[in-house]
Amino acid sequence: MYHSKTQQGFTLIELVIVIVILGVLAVTAAPKFINLSSDANIAVLKSMGGTIKASGQLVYSKSTIQGINNSALGDVDLDGDGTPDIETRYGYPSGSRHNGISKAMSNSFAVEWIWSTNYAESVFYLTMASFTWTSGAYVNQVPIVATNCYLIYNRAASVGASPTIEYITSGC
């Protein structure tokens, strides 16, 4: 009569091989998961850039209806109450910190973001409040630029030109 031995569990060599394989997988996969935070911050920033572009287009549509889309400086009445709501440059929201593109954004904008302009108010800087530990505030552009994770809204510079958005993402 022949009795075969049945194996009961893994050998030490099999366990070591499995641990080595898991270690190799962890080393190759970990950098991809570590970079998710950076990718998420860039996605949020680009999402806000898309929102700014869409808001700018809506303001431009209103300025065209009101006949001020070719004016170097104008004011658009968005709600039809006779009071100017947003300052425009060639029909698009200006870079003004008080009356420009920031007024076209939602209420969450004031809590979750910080912004700045240059002295001529032709450039609008924007970053997430979590990067500077400040929220809902206009600040000097130095802390925003120091994050290396922000967008720049350049107002329209002439008739027929639209605003541009640049992304600085090396610090995200």
N, C-alpha and C. Protein backbone atom coordinates (compact mmCIF):
# COMPACT_ATOMS: atom_id res chain seq x y z
N MET A 1 0.83 -1.16 0.00
CA MET A 1 0.00 0.00 0.00
C MET A 1 0.88 1.24 0.00
N TYR A 2 0.57 2.17 -0.90
CA TYR A 2 1.36 3.39 -1.07
C TYR A 2 0.64 4.55 -0.40
N HIS A 3 1.34 5.23 0.51
CA HIS A 3 0.76 6.39 1.18
C HIS A 3 1.45 7.64 0.66
N SER A 4 0.67 8.57 0.15
CA SER A 4 1.27 9.84 -0.29
C SER A 4 1.14 10.86 0.83
N LYS A 5 2.15 11.68 0.91
CA LYS A 5 2.10 12.73 1.93
C LYS A 5 1.29 13.90 1.36
N THR A 6 0.38 14.43 2.11
CA THR A 6 -0.36 15.62 1.69
C THR A 6 0.28 16.83 2.36
N GLN A 7 0.40 17.82 1.59
CA GLN A 7 1.04 19.04 2.09
C GLN A 7 0.03 19.83 2.91
N GLN A 8 0.47 20.33 4.04
CA GLN A 8 -0.42 21.07 4.92
C GLN A 8 0.13 22.47 5.12
N GLY A 9 -0.11 23.36 4.19
CA GLY A 9 0.37 24.73 4.31
C GLY A 9 1.47 25.03 3.31
N PHE A 10 2.06 26.20 3.46
CA PHE A 10 3.10 26.64 2.55
C PHE A 10 4.46 26.38 3.16
N THR A 11 5.40 26.16 2.30
CA THR A 11 6.78 26.02 2.79
C THR A 11 7.36 27.39 3.02
N LEU A 12 8.45 27.43 3.72
CA LEU A 12 9.11 28.70 3.99
C LEU A 12 9.56 29.39 2.71
N ILE A 13 10.02 28.62 1.75
CA ILE A 13 10.47 29.19 0.47
C ILE A 13 9.30 29.82 -0.27
N GLU A 14 8.15 29.18 -0.28
CA GLU A 14 6.98 29.74 -0.95
C GLU A 14 6.54 31.05 -0.29
N LEU A 15 6.56 31.10 1.02
CA LEU A 15 6.20 32.34 1.72
C LEU A 15 7.17 33.46 1.41
N VAL A 16 8.46 33.16 1.36
CA VAL A 16 9.46 34.18 1.04
C VAL A 16 9.25 34.69 -0.38
N ILE A 17 8.95 33.81 -1.31
CA ILE A 17 8.72 34.23 -2.70
C ILE A 17 7.50 35.15 -2.78
N VAL A 18 6.44 34.81 -2.09
CA VAL A 18 5.23 35.66 -2.10
C VAL A 18 5.54 37.03 -1.50
N ILE A 19 6.28 37.07 -0.41
CA ILE A 19 6.64 38.35 0.22
C ILE A 19 7.49 39.19 -0.71
N VAL A 20 8.43 38.57 -1.41
CA VAL A 20 9.27 39.30 -2.36
C VAL A 20 8.43 39.86 -3.50
N ILE A 21 7.52 39.07 -4.02
CA ILE A 21 6.65 39.54 -5.12
C ILE A 21 5.80 40.72 -4.65
N LEU A 22 5.22 40.61 -3.45
CA LEU A 22 4.42 41.72 -2.92
C LEU A 22 5.27 42.98 -2.71
N GLY A 23 6.50 42.80 -2.26
CA GLY A 23 7.41 43.93 -2.08
C GLY A 23 7.71 44.63 -3.39
N VAL A 24 7.96 43.85 -4.45
CA VAL A 24 8.24 44.42 -5.77
C VAL A 24 7.01 45.18 -6.28
N LEU A 25 5.84 44.60 -6.12
CA LEU A 25 4.62 45.28 -6.55
C LEU A 25 4.40 46.58 -5.78
N ALA A 26 4.66 46.56 -4.48
CA ALA A 26 4.49 47.76 -3.66
C ALA A 26 5.45 48.86 -4.09
N VAL A 27 6.68 48.50 -4.40
CA VAL A 27 7.67 49.50 -4.81
C VAL A 27 7.30 50.12 -6.15
N THR A 28 6.75 49.35 -7.06
CA THR A 28 6.39 49.91 -8.37
C THR A 28 5.06 50.65 -8.34
N ALA A 29 4.13 50.25 -7.49
CA ALA A 29 2.80 50.87 -7.46
C ALA A 29 2.74 52.07 -6.52
N ALA A 30 3.53 52.10 -5.48
CA ALA A 30 3.45 53.17 -4.48
C ALA A 30 3.64 54.57 -5.06
N PRO A 31 4.61 54.81 -5.93
CA PRO A 31 4.75 56.17 -6.47
C PRO A 31 3.51 56.66 -7.21
N LYS A 32 2.80 55.75 -7.85
CA LYS A 32 1.58 56.16 -8.56
C LYS A 32 0.51 56.60 -7.58
N PHE A 33 0.39 55.95 -6.44
CA PHE A 33 -0.61 56.33 -5.44
C PHE A 33 -0.18 57.56 -4.67
N ILE A 34 1.08 57.73 -4.45
CA ILE A 34 1.58 58.90 -3.72
C ILE A 34 1.30 60.17 -4.51
N ASN A 35 1.36 60.11 -5.81
CA ASN A 35 1.18 61.27 -6.67
C ASN A 35 -0.30 61.62 -6.87
N LEU A 36 -1.22 60.85 -6.31
CA LEU A 36 -2.63 61.14 -6.49
C LEU A 36 -3.03 62.50 -5.92
N SER A 37 -2.45 62.89 -4.82
CA SER A 37 -2.77 64.19 -4.22
C SER A 37 -2.41 65.32 -5.17
N SER A 38 -1.26 65.25 -5.75
CA SER A 38 -0.83 66.27 -6.71
C SER A 38 -1.77 66.30 -7.92
N ASP A 39 -2.09 65.12 -8.44
CA ASP A 39 -3.01 65.04 -9.58
C ASP A 39 -4.37 65.61 -9.23
N ALA A 40 -4.84 65.35 -8.02
CA ALA A 40 -6.14 65.87 -7.60
C ALA A 40 -6.11 67.39 -7.51
N ASN A 41 -5.03 67.96 -6.96
CA ASN A 41 -4.92 69.42 -6.87
C ASN A 41 -4.89 70.06 -8.25
N ILE A 42 -4.17 69.45 -9.17
CA ILE A 42 -4.11 69.97 -10.54
C ILE A 42 -5.49 69.90 -11.18
N ALA A 43 -6.21 68.80 -10.96
CA ALA A 43 -7.55 68.65 -11.52
C ALA A 43 -8.51 69.70 -10.97
N VAL A 44 -8.42 69.98 -9.67
CA VAL A 44 -9.27 71.01 -9.07
C VAL A 44 -8.96 72.37 -9.67
N LEU A 45 -7.67 72.66 -9.82
CA LEU A 45 -7.26 73.94 -10.39
C LEU A 45 -7.76 74.09 -11.82
N LYS A 46 -7.63 73.04 -12.61
CA LYS A 46 -8.08 73.10 -14.00
C LYS A 46 -9.61 73.15 -14.09
N SER A 47 -10.26 72.52 -13.13
CA SER A 47 -11.72 72.61 -13.08
C SER A 47 -12.15 74.06 -12.82
N MET A 48 -11.45 74.72 -11.90
CA MET A 48 -11.77 76.13 -11.64
C MET A 48 -11.47 76.98 -12.87
N GLY A 49 -10.40 76.65 -13.58
CA GLY A 49 -10.10 77.36 -14.83
C GLY A 49 -11.23 77.22 -15.83
N GLY A 50 -11.80 76.03 -15.93
CA GLY A 50 -12.94 75.81 -16.82
C GLY A 50 -14.16 76.59 -16.37
N THR A 51 -14.36 76.67 -15.07
CA THR A 51 -15.47 77.45 -14.53
C THR A 51 -15.29 78.93 -14.83
N ILE A 52 -14.08 79.41 -14.70
CA ILE A 52 -13.79 80.81 -15.00
C ILE A 52 -14.05 81.10 -16.47
N LYS A 53 -13.61 80.20 -17.35
CA LYS A 53 -13.86 80.40 -18.79
C LYS A 53 -15.36 80.43 -19.09
N ALA A 54 -16.10 79.49 -18.49
CA ALA A 54 -17.54 79.44 -18.72
C ALA A 54 -18.22 80.70 -18.19
N SER A 55 -17.82 81.15 -17.01
CA SER A 55 -18.38 82.39 -16.45
C SER A 55 -18.07 83.57 -17.34
N GLY A 56 -16.85 83.61 -17.84
CA GLY A 56 -16.45 84.70 -18.74
C GLY A 56 -17.29 84.72 -20.01
N GLN A 57 -17.60 83.55 -20.55
CA GLN A 57 -18.43 83.47 -21.75
C GLN A 57 -19.85 83.96 -21.48
N LEU A 58 -20.38 83.63 -20.31
CA LEU A 58 -21.72 84.10 -19.97
C LEU A 58 -21.75 85.62 -19.82
N VAL A 59 -20.72 86.17 -19.18
CA VAL A 59 -20.64 87.63 -19.04
C VAL A 59 -20.50 88.27 -20.42
N TYR A 60 -19.69 87.65 -21.29
CA TYR A 60 -19.51 88.19 -22.64
C TYR A 60 -20.85 88.19 -23.40
N SER A 61 -21.63 87.13 -23.23
CA SER A 61 -22.95 87.08 -23.89
C SER A 61 -23.82 88.23 -23.43
N LYS A 62 -23.82 88.48 -22.11
CA LYS A 62 -24.61 89.60 -21.58
C LYS A 62 -24.08 90.94 -22.10
N SER A 63 -22.76 91.07 -22.18
CA SER A 63 -22.19 92.34 -22.65
C SER A 63 -22.52 92.57 -24.12
N THR A 64 -22.59 91.49 -24.89
CA THR A 64 -22.96 91.61 -26.30
C THR A 64 -24.41 92.06 -26.42
N ILE A 65 -25.28 91.47 -25.62
CA ILE A 65 -26.70 91.87 -25.62
C ILE A 65 -26.84 93.34 -25.24
N GLN A 66 -26.03 93.77 -24.27
CA GLN A 66 -26.10 95.16 -23.80
C GLN A 66 -25.28 96.12 -24.66
N GLY A 67 -24.59 95.59 -25.68
CA GLY A 67 -23.87 96.43 -26.64
C GLY A 67 -22.57 97.02 -26.13
N ILE A 68 -21.95 96.41 -25.14
CA ILE A 68 -20.69 96.96 -24.63
C ILE A 68 -19.51 96.00 -24.82
N ASN A 69 -19.68 95.00 -25.68
CA ASN A 69 -18.63 94.00 -25.86
C ASN A 69 -17.39 94.54 -26.58
N ASN A 70 -17.47 95.70 -27.20
CA ASN A 70 -16.30 96.29 -27.87
C ASN A 70 -15.67 97.42 -27.07
N SER A 71 -16.19 97.67 -25.87
CA SER A 71 -15.68 98.75 -25.04
C SER A 71 -14.45 98.30 -24.27
N ALA A 72 -13.44 99.18 -24.21
CA ALA A 72 -12.23 98.87 -23.45
C ALA A 72 -12.55 98.69 -21.97
N LEU A 73 -13.53 99.43 -21.48
CA LEU A 73 -13.94 99.31 -20.08
C LEU A 73 -15.45 99.47 -20.02
N GLY A 74 -16.12 98.54 -19.39
CA GLY A 74 -17.57 98.60 -19.29
C GLY A 74 -18.05 97.93 -18.02
N ASP A 75 -19.36 97.99 -17.81
CA ASP A 75 -20.00 97.34 -16.68
C ASP A 75 -21.22 96.59 -17.18
N VAL A 76 -21.34 95.33 -16.81
CA VAL A 76 -22.46 94.51 -17.24
C VAL A 76 -23.44 94.36 -16.09
N ASP A 77 -24.71 94.53 -16.42
CA ASP A 77 -25.79 94.30 -15.46
C ASP A 77 -26.29 92.88 -15.71
N LEU A 78 -25.94 91.96 -14.83
CA LEU A 78 -26.29 90.56 -15.02
C LEU A 78 -27.74 90.23 -14.70
N ASP A 79 -28.29 90.86 -13.68
CA ASP A 79 -29.63 90.50 -13.22
C ASP A 79 -30.74 91.44 -13.68
N GLY A 80 -30.39 92.42 -14.50
CA GLY A 80 -31.41 93.30 -15.06
C GLY A 80 -32.02 94.29 -14.09
N ASP A 81 -31.34 94.58 -12.97
CA ASP A 81 -31.89 95.52 -12.00
C ASP A 81 -31.41 96.96 -12.23
N GLY A 82 -30.65 97.17 -13.30
CA GLY A 82 -30.17 98.52 -13.61
C GLY A 82 -28.88 98.89 -12.91
N THR A 83 -28.35 98.00 -12.09
CA THR A 83 -27.09 98.26 -11.37
C THR A 83 -25.98 97.42 -11.99
N PRO A 84 -24.85 98.04 -12.32
CA PRO A 84 -23.74 97.26 -12.88
C PRO A 84 -23.25 96.20 -11.89
N ASP A 85 -23.01 94.98 -12.38
CA ASP A 85 -22.58 93.88 -11.53
C ASP A 85 -21.11 93.52 -11.71
N ILE A 86 -20.65 93.49 -12.95
CA ILE A 86 -19.28 93.05 -13.23
C ILE A 86 -18.60 94.01 -14.19
N GLU A 87 -17.39 94.42 -13.81
CA GLU A 87 -16.57 95.26 -14.68
C GLU A 87 -16.03 94.39 -15.82
N THR A 88 -16.07 94.92 -17.03
CA THR A 88 -15.60 94.16 -18.19
C THR A 88 -14.51 94.91 -18.95
N ARG A 89 -13.73 94.14 -19.66
CA ARG A 89 -12.75 94.63 -20.62
C ARG A 89 -13.05 93.92 -21.93
N TYR A 90 -13.47 94.69 -22.90
CA TYR A 90 -13.85 94.15 -24.21
C TYR A 90 -14.89 93.04 -24.07
N GLY A 91 -15.82 93.23 -23.14
CA GLY A 91 -16.94 92.32 -22.96
C GLY A 91 -16.72 91.19 -21.98
N TYR A 92 -15.48 90.88 -21.66
CA TYR A 92 -15.17 89.79 -20.72
C TYR A 92 -14.89 90.37 -19.34
N PRO A 93 -15.08 89.57 -18.29
CA PRO A 93 -14.77 90.08 -16.94
C PRO A 93 -13.33 90.57 -16.85
N SER A 94 -13.16 91.69 -16.18
CA SER A 94 -11.81 92.23 -15.99
C SER A 94 -11.09 91.43 -14.92
N GLY A 95 -9.85 91.79 -14.67
CA GLY A 95 -9.08 91.16 -13.62
C GLY A 95 -9.23 91.86 -12.29
N SER A 96 -10.17 92.78 -12.18
CA SER A 96 -10.35 93.55 -10.95
C SER A 96 -10.64 92.65 -9.76
N ARG A 97 -10.01 92.97 -8.66
CA ARG A 97 -10.22 92.16 -7.45
C ARG A 97 -11.58 92.42 -6.82
N HIS A 98 -12.20 93.55 -7.13
CA HIS A 98 -13.50 93.89 -6.53
C HIS A 98 -14.66 93.58 -7.45
N ASN A 99 -14.54 93.95 -8.72
CA ASN A 99 -15.69 93.89 -9.63
C ASN A 99 -15.48 93.00 -10.85
N GLY A 100 -14.37 92.30 -10.94
CA GLY A 100 -14.06 91.52 -12.14
C GLY A 100 -14.49 90.08 -12.05
N ILE A 101 -13.59 89.22 -12.46
CA ILE A 101 -13.91 87.80 -12.58
C ILE A 101 -14.31 87.17 -11.25
N SER A 102 -13.79 87.67 -10.15
CA SER A 102 -14.14 87.09 -8.85
C SER A 102 -15.63 87.24 -8.54
N LYS A 103 -16.28 88.27 -9.07
CA LYS A 103 -17.72 88.46 -8.83
C LYS A 103 -18.57 87.50 -9.65
N ALA A 104 -17.97 86.89 -10.66
CA ALA A 104 -18.73 85.95 -11.49
C ALA A 104 -18.73 84.55 -10.91
N MET A 105 -17.98 84.33 -9.83
CA MET A 105 -17.85 83.00 -9.25
C MET A 105 -18.91 82.76 -8.18
N SER A 106 -19.05 81.50 -7.76
CA SER A 106 -20.07 81.13 -6.78
C SER A 106 -19.67 81.54 -5.37
N ASN A 107 -20.57 81.35 -4.42
CA ASN A 107 -20.30 81.70 -3.02
C ASN A 107 -19.18 80.87 -2.42
N SER A 108 -19.01 79.62 -2.84
CA SER A 108 -17.95 78.78 -2.29
C SER A 108 -16.58 79.31 -2.68
N PHE A 109 -16.54 80.10 -3.72
CA PHE A 109 -15.29 80.70 -4.17
C PHE A 109 -14.66 81.52 -3.05
N ALA A 110 -15.47 82.25 -2.32
CA ALA A 110 -14.95 83.14 -1.27
C ALA A 110 -14.39 82.37 -0.08
N VAL A 111 -14.77 81.12 0.10
CA VAL A 111 -14.32 80.35 1.26
C VAL A 111 -13.14 79.44 0.90
N GLU A 112 -13.16 78.87 -0.26
CA GLU A 112 -12.20 77.83 -0.62
C GLU A 112 -11.01 78.32 -1.43
N TRP A 113 -10.99 79.58 -1.81
CA TRP A 113 -9.94 80.10 -2.69
C TRP A 113 -9.41 81.41 -2.15
N ILE A 114 -8.21 81.76 -2.54
CA ILE A 114 -7.69 83.12 -2.31
C ILE A 114 -7.22 83.67 -3.65
N TRP A 115 -7.25 84.96 -3.78
CA TRP A 115 -6.95 85.57 -5.06
C TRP A 115 -6.17 86.86 -4.87
N SER A 116 -5.62 87.30 -5.99
CA SER A 116 -4.84 88.52 -6.01
C SER A 116 -4.84 89.07 -7.43
N THR A 117 -4.40 90.28 -7.58
CA THR A 117 -4.23 90.88 -8.90
C THR A 117 -2.89 91.59 -8.94
N ASN A 118 -2.47 91.93 -10.15
CA ASN A 118 -1.32 92.81 -10.24
C ASN A 118 -1.82 94.24 -10.07
N TYR A 119 -0.92 95.21 -10.05
CA TYR A 119 -1.34 96.58 -9.77
C TYR A 119 -2.23 97.17 -10.86
N ALA A 120 -2.04 96.76 -12.09
CA ALA A 120 -2.89 97.25 -13.18
C ALA A 120 -4.22 96.51 -13.25
N GLU A 121 -4.38 95.48 -12.41
CA GLU A 121 -5.57 94.63 -12.41
C GLU A 121 -5.85 94.01 -13.78
N SER A 122 -4.77 93.71 -14.50
CA SER A 122 -4.93 93.03 -15.78
C SER A 122 -4.72 91.52 -15.64
N VAL A 123 -4.14 91.12 -14.50
CA VAL A 123 -3.86 89.71 -14.24
C VAL A 123 -4.49 89.36 -12.89
N PHE A 124 -5.17 88.23 -12.87
CA PHE A 124 -5.86 87.74 -11.67
C PHE A 124 -5.22 86.41 -11.29
N TYR A 125 -4.71 86.30 -10.08
CA TYR A 125 -4.08 85.08 -9.57
C TYR A 125 -5.06 84.36 -8.65
N LEU A 126 -5.06 83.03 -8.71
CA LEU A 126 -5.99 82.26 -7.90
C LEU A 126 -5.36 80.95 -7.46
N THR A 127 -5.52 80.61 -6.18
CA THR A 127 -5.09 79.31 -5.68
C THR A 127 -6.05 78.84 -4.60
N MET A 128 -5.91 77.58 -4.22
CA MET A 128 -6.76 77.00 -3.18
C MET A 128 -6.34 77.53 -1.81
N ALA A 129 -7.31 77.83 -1.00
CA ALA A 129 -7.05 78.38 0.33
C ALA A 129 -6.21 77.44 1.18
N SER A 130 -6.33 76.15 0.97
CA SER A 130 -5.59 75.18 1.77
C SER A 130 -4.09 75.30 1.59
N PHE A 131 -3.64 75.89 0.51
CA PHE A 131 -2.21 76.05 0.28
C PHE A 131 -1.61 77.20 1.08
N THR A 132 -2.41 78.15 1.46
CA THR A 132 -1.88 79.34 2.14
C THR A 132 -2.47 79.54 3.53
N TRP A 133 -3.35 78.66 3.97
CA TRP A 133 -3.99 78.75 5.29
C TRP A 133 -4.75 80.05 5.44
N THR A 134 -5.26 80.56 4.37
CA THR A 134 -6.09 81.75 4.36
C THR A 134 -7.28 81.43 3.46
N SER A 135 -8.44 81.94 3.79
CA SER A 135 -9.56 81.67 2.89
C SER A 135 -10.39 82.92 2.69
N GLY A 136 -11.02 82.93 1.53
CA GLY A 136 -11.95 83.99 1.21
C GLY A 136 -11.35 85.38 1.29
N ALA A 137 -10.12 85.51 0.88
CA ALA A 137 -9.47 86.80 1.05
C ALA A 137 -8.70 87.20 -0.19
N TYR A 138 -8.63 88.49 -0.36
CA TYR A 138 -7.73 89.04 -1.36
C TYR A 138 -6.40 89.26 -0.65
N VAL A 139 -5.34 88.76 -1.22
CA VAL A 139 -4.02 88.91 -0.63
C VAL A 139 -3.05 89.42 -1.69
N ASN A 140 -1.88 89.82 -1.26
CA ASN A 140 -0.81 90.14 -2.19
C ASN A 140 -0.48 88.86 -2.95
N GLN A 141 -0.07 88.99 -4.20
CA GLN A 141 0.16 87.78 -5.00
C GLN A 141 1.36 86.96 -4.55
N VAL A 142 2.21 87.49 -3.69
CA VAL A 142 3.42 86.76 -3.26
C VAL A 142 3.09 85.41 -2.63
N PRO A 143 2.15 85.31 -1.65
CA PRO A 143 1.87 83.97 -1.10
C PRO A 143 1.24 83.03 -2.11
N ILE A 144 0.51 83.55 -3.06
CA ILE A 144 -0.10 82.71 -4.08
C ILE A 144 0.97 82.16 -5.01
N VAL A 145 1.83 83.03 -5.49
CA VAL A 145 2.89 82.61 -6.40
C VAL A 145 3.85 81.64 -5.70
N ALA A 146 4.06 81.82 -4.41
CA ALA A 146 4.96 80.96 -3.65
C ALA A 146 4.47 79.51 -3.58
N THR A 147 3.17 79.28 -3.76
CA THR A 147 2.65 77.91 -3.71
C THR A 147 3.06 77.09 -4.93
N ASN A 148 3.34 77.76 -6.04
CA ASN A 148 3.61 77.08 -7.31
C ASN A 148 2.48 76.15 -7.72
N CYS A 149 1.27 76.50 -7.28
CA CYS A 149 0.07 75.77 -7.66
C CYS A 149 -1.06 76.79 -7.75
N TYR A 150 -1.17 77.44 -8.89
CA TYR A 150 -2.16 78.50 -9.04
C TYR A 150 -2.50 78.68 -10.52
N LEU A 151 -3.53 79.45 -10.77
CA LEU A 151 -3.84 79.81 -12.15
C LEU A 151 -3.76 81.31 -12.30
N ILE A 152 -3.55 81.73 -13.53
CA ILE A 152 -3.47 83.14 -13.87
C ILE A 152 -4.54 83.42 -14.93
N TYR A 153 -5.41 84.37 -14.62
CA TYR A 153 -6.42 84.82 -15.57
C TYR A 153 -5.92 86.14 -16.16
N ASN A 154 -5.65 86.14 -17.45
CA ASN A 154 -5.23 87.36 -18.14
C ASN A 154 -6.45 87.92 -18.87
N ARG A 155 -6.88 89.11 -18.49
CA ARG A 155 -8.09 89.68 -19.08
C ARG A 155 -7.92 89.88 -20.58
N ALA A 156 -9.03 90.08 -21.26
CA ALA A 156 -9.01 90.35 -22.70
C ALA A 156 -8.25 91.64 -22.94
N ALA A 157 -7.40 91.64 -23.94
CA ALA A 157 -6.54 92.79 -24.19
C ALA A 157 -7.00 93.66 -25.35
N SER A 158 -7.92 93.17 -26.17
CA SER A 158 -8.38 93.96 -27.31
C SER A 158 -9.71 93.42 -27.81
N VAL A 159 -10.33 94.16 -28.70
CA VAL A 159 -11.59 93.73 -29.29
C VAL A 159 -11.36 92.41 -30.03
N GLY A 160 -12.21 91.46 -29.79
CA GLY A 160 -12.11 90.16 -30.46
C GLY A 160 -11.19 89.17 -29.75
N ALA A 161 -10.41 89.63 -28.80
CA ALA A 161 -9.53 88.73 -28.05
C ALA A 161 -10.26 88.24 -26.81
N SER A 162 -10.04 87.00 -26.44
CA SER A 162 -10.63 86.50 -25.20
C SER A 162 -9.56 86.39 -24.12
N PRO A 163 -10.00 86.30 -22.88
CA PRO A 163 -9.04 86.12 -21.79
C PRO A 163 -8.32 84.78 -21.92
N THR A 164 -7.16 84.69 -21.34
CA THR A 164 -6.42 83.43 -21.33
C THR A 164 -6.20 82.98 -19.89
N ILE A 165 -6.03 81.69 -19.73
CA ILE A 165 -5.75 81.13 -18.41
C ILE A 165 -4.48 80.31 -18.50
N GLU A 166 -3.57 80.58 -17.58
CA GLU A 166 -2.33 79.82 -17.48
C GLU A 166 -2.35 79.05 -16.18
N TYR A 167 -1.71 77.88 -16.16
CA TYR A 167 -1.65 77.06 -14.96
C TYR A 167 -0.20 76.86 -14.55
N ILE A 168 0.09 77.13 -13.30
CA ILE A 168 1.39 76.84 -12.71
C ILE A 168 1.16 75.69 -11.74
N THR A 169 1.73 74.51 -12.02
CA THR A 169 1.38 73.32 -11.24
C THR A 169 2.58 72.58 -10.65
N SER A 170 3.75 73.18 -10.69
CA SER A 170 4.93 72.46 -10.20
C SER A 170 4.89 72.21 -8.70
N GLY A 171 4.09 72.98 -7.95
CA GLY A 171 4.01 72.80 -6.50
C GLY A 171 2.74 72.10 -6.02
N CYS A 172 1.95 71.63 -6.94
CA CYS A 172 0.68 71.00 -6.55
C CYS A 172 0.95 69.65 -5.93
